[in-house]
Amino acid sequence: MATKILVIHGPNLALLGEREVAVYGQFTLEEINQKLNGLAKQENIELEIVQLDGEGEIVEKIGKARKSFQAIVINPGAYTHYSVAIRDAIAAVGIPAVEVHLSNIYAREEFRHKSVIAPVAIGQISGFGINSYLLGLKAAIDLLRK
């Protein structure tokens, strides 16, 4: 069975390149996806990449992931700080999840300093722009290959 990883981009990430470029950069979601797909091809793994704005949509996607995926890379966006539903979905499926953020959430507003997702993730990478995603995917791949 081929290694298959789910990448979930959370709310507002479709607006990358247009919104708060001083915080998130000028790159687009499509550019992130291209780089992720390039790394996946290089590492000989399958990726499914989705961008979902709704909390319920994200919870549903995670819930179905256990049947098809070996790991999840997720940027929960603003849900990072308060979505117990997404946290519980990650805990429930029992597959490793890597939390990623483009910006350093700990160098921003105080309400962004807490992640309710981090305690159920295998790790968190933040502050490296597009590289946060690539490092997160690489960490997931390395974990699965051990």
Protein backbone atom coordinates (compact mmCIF):
# COMPACT_ATOMS: atom_id res chain seq x y z
CA MET A 1 0.00 0.00 0.00
CA ALA A 2 1.33 3.40 -0.95
CA THR A 3 1.98 5.92 1.79
CA LYS A 4 -0.80 8.50 1.63
CA ILE A 5 -0.82 11.78 3.56
CA LEU A 6 -3.67 14.26 3.88
CA VAL A 7 -2.84 17.98 3.89
CA ILE A 8 -5.55 20.26 5.27
CA HIS A 9 -5.38 24.01 4.76
CA GLY A 10 -7.82 25.69 7.15
CA PRO A 11 -9.90 28.86 6.96
CA ASN A 12 -8.84 31.88 4.92
CA LEU A 13 -5.78 30.17 3.45
CA ALA A 14 -7.29 30.41 -0.05
CA LEU A 15 -6.64 34.15 0.32
CA LEU A 16 -2.85 33.77 0.60
CA GLY A 17 -0.97 36.26 -1.52
CA GLU A 18 -3.76 38.82 -1.02
CA ARG A 19 -4.35 38.96 2.74
CA GLU A 20 -1.89 40.32 5.28
CA VAL A 21 1.13 39.82 3.05
CA ALA A 22 3.37 41.38 5.72
CA VAL A 23 2.45 38.43 7.98
CA TYR A 24 1.92 35.56 5.53
CA GLY A 25 4.00 36.53 2.49
CA GLN A 26 3.14 37.03 -1.17
CA PHE A 27 2.98 33.36 -2.15
CA THR A 28 -0.34 31.75 -2.98
CA LEU A 29 -1.95 28.54 -1.79
CA GLU A 30 -1.35 27.09 -5.25
CA GLU A 31 2.39 27.73 -4.86
CA ILE A 32 2.39 25.90 -1.52
CA ASN A 33 0.50 23.00 -3.09
CA GLN A 34 2.96 22.82 -6.01
CA LYS A 35 5.91 22.60 -3.61
CA LEU A 36 4.13 19.97 -1.48
CA ASN A 37 3.34 17.90 -4.57
CA GLY A 38 6.95 18.20 -5.73
CA LEU A 39 8.24 16.92 -2.39
CA ALA A 40 5.66 14.12 -2.36
CA LYS A 41 6.74 13.00 -5.84
CA GLN A 42 10.40 13.12 -4.82
CA GLU A 43 9.62 11.03 -1.71
CA ASN A 44 7.33 8.65 -3.64
CA ILE A 45 4.24 9.27 -1.50
CA GLU A 46 0.66 10.17 -2.36
CA LEU A 47 -0.89 13.43 -1.20
CA GLU A 48 -4.43 14.67 -1.03
CA ILE A 49 -4.60 18.41 -0.43
CA VAL A 50 -7.78 20.23 0.60
CA GLN A 51 -8.62 23.74 1.73
CA LEU A 52 -11.65 23.93 4.00
CA ASP A 53 -13.06 27.00 5.70
CA GLY A 54 -15.70 25.31 7.86
CA GLU A 55 -14.90 23.72 11.19
CA GLY A 56 -17.41 20.93 10.56
CA GLU A 57 -15.92 20.23 7.14
CA ILE A 58 -12.47 19.86 8.69
CA VAL A 59 -13.77 17.57 11.44
CA GLU A 60 -15.56 15.41 8.85
CA LYS A 61 -12.46 15.18 6.63
CA ILE A 62 -10.28 14.15 9.59
CA GLY A 63 -12.86 11.57 10.69
CA LYS A 64 -12.80 9.91 7.28
CA ALA A 65 -9.00 10.08 7.02
CA ARG A 66 -8.29 7.01 9.16
CA LYS A 67 -9.54 4.74 6.37
CA SER A 68 -7.26 6.12 3.66
CA PHE A 69 -4.32 8.03 5.12
CA GLN A 70 -1.31 7.25 7.28
CA ALA A 71 -0.71 10.85 8.44
CA ILE A 72 -2.17 14.36 8.37
CA VAL A 73 -0.42 17.70 7.94
CA ILE A 74 -2.78 20.44 9.08
CA ASN A 75 -2.79 24.21 9.27
CA PRO A 76 -5.97 24.78 11.28
CA GLY A 77 -5.70 28.56 10.89
CA ALA A 78 -7.72 30.44 13.49
CA TYR A 79 -9.28 27.16 14.68
CA THR A 80 -5.87 26.37 16.21
CA HIS A 81 -6.70 28.46 19.23
CA TYR A 82 -10.15 27.20 20.18
CA SER A 83 -11.48 24.26 18.15
CA VAL A 84 -11.94 21.43 20.60
CA ALA A 85 -13.89 19.67 17.81
CA ILE A 86 -10.84 19.56 15.50
CA ARG A 87 -8.61 18.61 18.43
CA ASP A 88 -10.95 15.75 19.36
CA ALA A 89 -11.17 14.55 15.73
CA ILE A 90 -7.38 14.34 15.50
CA ALA A 91 -7.23 12.45 18.80
CA ALA A 92 -10.02 10.10 17.72
CA VAL A 93 -8.57 8.92 14.40
CA GLY A 94 -5.33 7.72 15.94
CA ILE A 95 -3.10 8.65 13.01
CA PRO A 96 -0.18 11.06 13.42
CA ALA A 97 -0.87 14.72 12.69
CA VAL A 98 1.67 17.50 12.23
CA GLU A 99 0.42 21.03 12.95
CA VAL A 100 1.93 23.72 10.73
CA HIS A 101 1.68 27.52 10.59
CA LEU A 102 3.15 29.96 8.10
CA SER A 103 3.76 32.63 10.73
CA ASN A 104 5.27 32.25 14.19
CA ILE A 105 2.07 32.17 16.22
CA TYR A 106 4.05 32.81 19.42
CA ALA A 107 5.39 36.13 18.09
CA ARG A 108 1.90 37.44 17.30
CA GLU A 109 -1.10 38.54 19.33
CA GLU A 110 -1.38 36.84 22.71
CA PHE A 111 -4.60 35.01 21.84
CA ARG A 112 -2.64 33.14 19.13
CA HIS A 113 -0.07 31.80 21.61
CA LYS A 114 -2.21 28.83 22.67
CA SER A 115 -2.88 25.87 20.41
CA VAL A 116 -5.52 23.37 21.47
CA ILE A 117 -4.31 21.17 18.59
CA ALA A 118 -0.65 20.86 19.69
CA PRO A 119 -1.28 18.43 22.58
CA VAL A 120 -2.72 15.82 20.17
CA ALA A 121 -0.29 16.47 17.30
CA ILE A 122 3.04 14.67 17.00
CA GLY A 123 4.65 18.07 16.55
CA GLN A 124 4.19 21.67 15.50
CA ILE A 125 6.18 23.76 13.03
CA SER A 126 5.56 27.49 12.78
CA GLY A 127 7.18 30.62 11.47
CA PHE A 128 8.92 29.37 8.33
CA GLY A 129 6.41 30.36 5.66
CA ILE A 130 6.10 27.75 2.91
CA ASN A 131 8.91 25.80 4.56
CA SER A 132 6.64 25.14 7.57
CA TYR A 133 4.53 22.95 5.29
CA LEU A 134 7.53 21.26 3.67
CA LEU A 135 9.15 20.58 7.04
CA GLY A 136 5.83 19.28 8.36
CA LEU A 137 5.40 16.94 5.41
CA LYS A 138 9.00 15.75 5.72
CA ALA A 139 8.50 15.09 9.45
CA ALA A 140 5.36 13.05 8.72
CA ILE A 141 7.14 11.04 6.02
CA ASP A 142 10.17 10.36 8.24
CA LEU A 143 7.92 9.26 11.11
CA LEU A 144 6.05 6.83 8.86
CA ARG A 145 9.28 5.35 7.52
CA LYS A 146 10.71 4.59 10.98
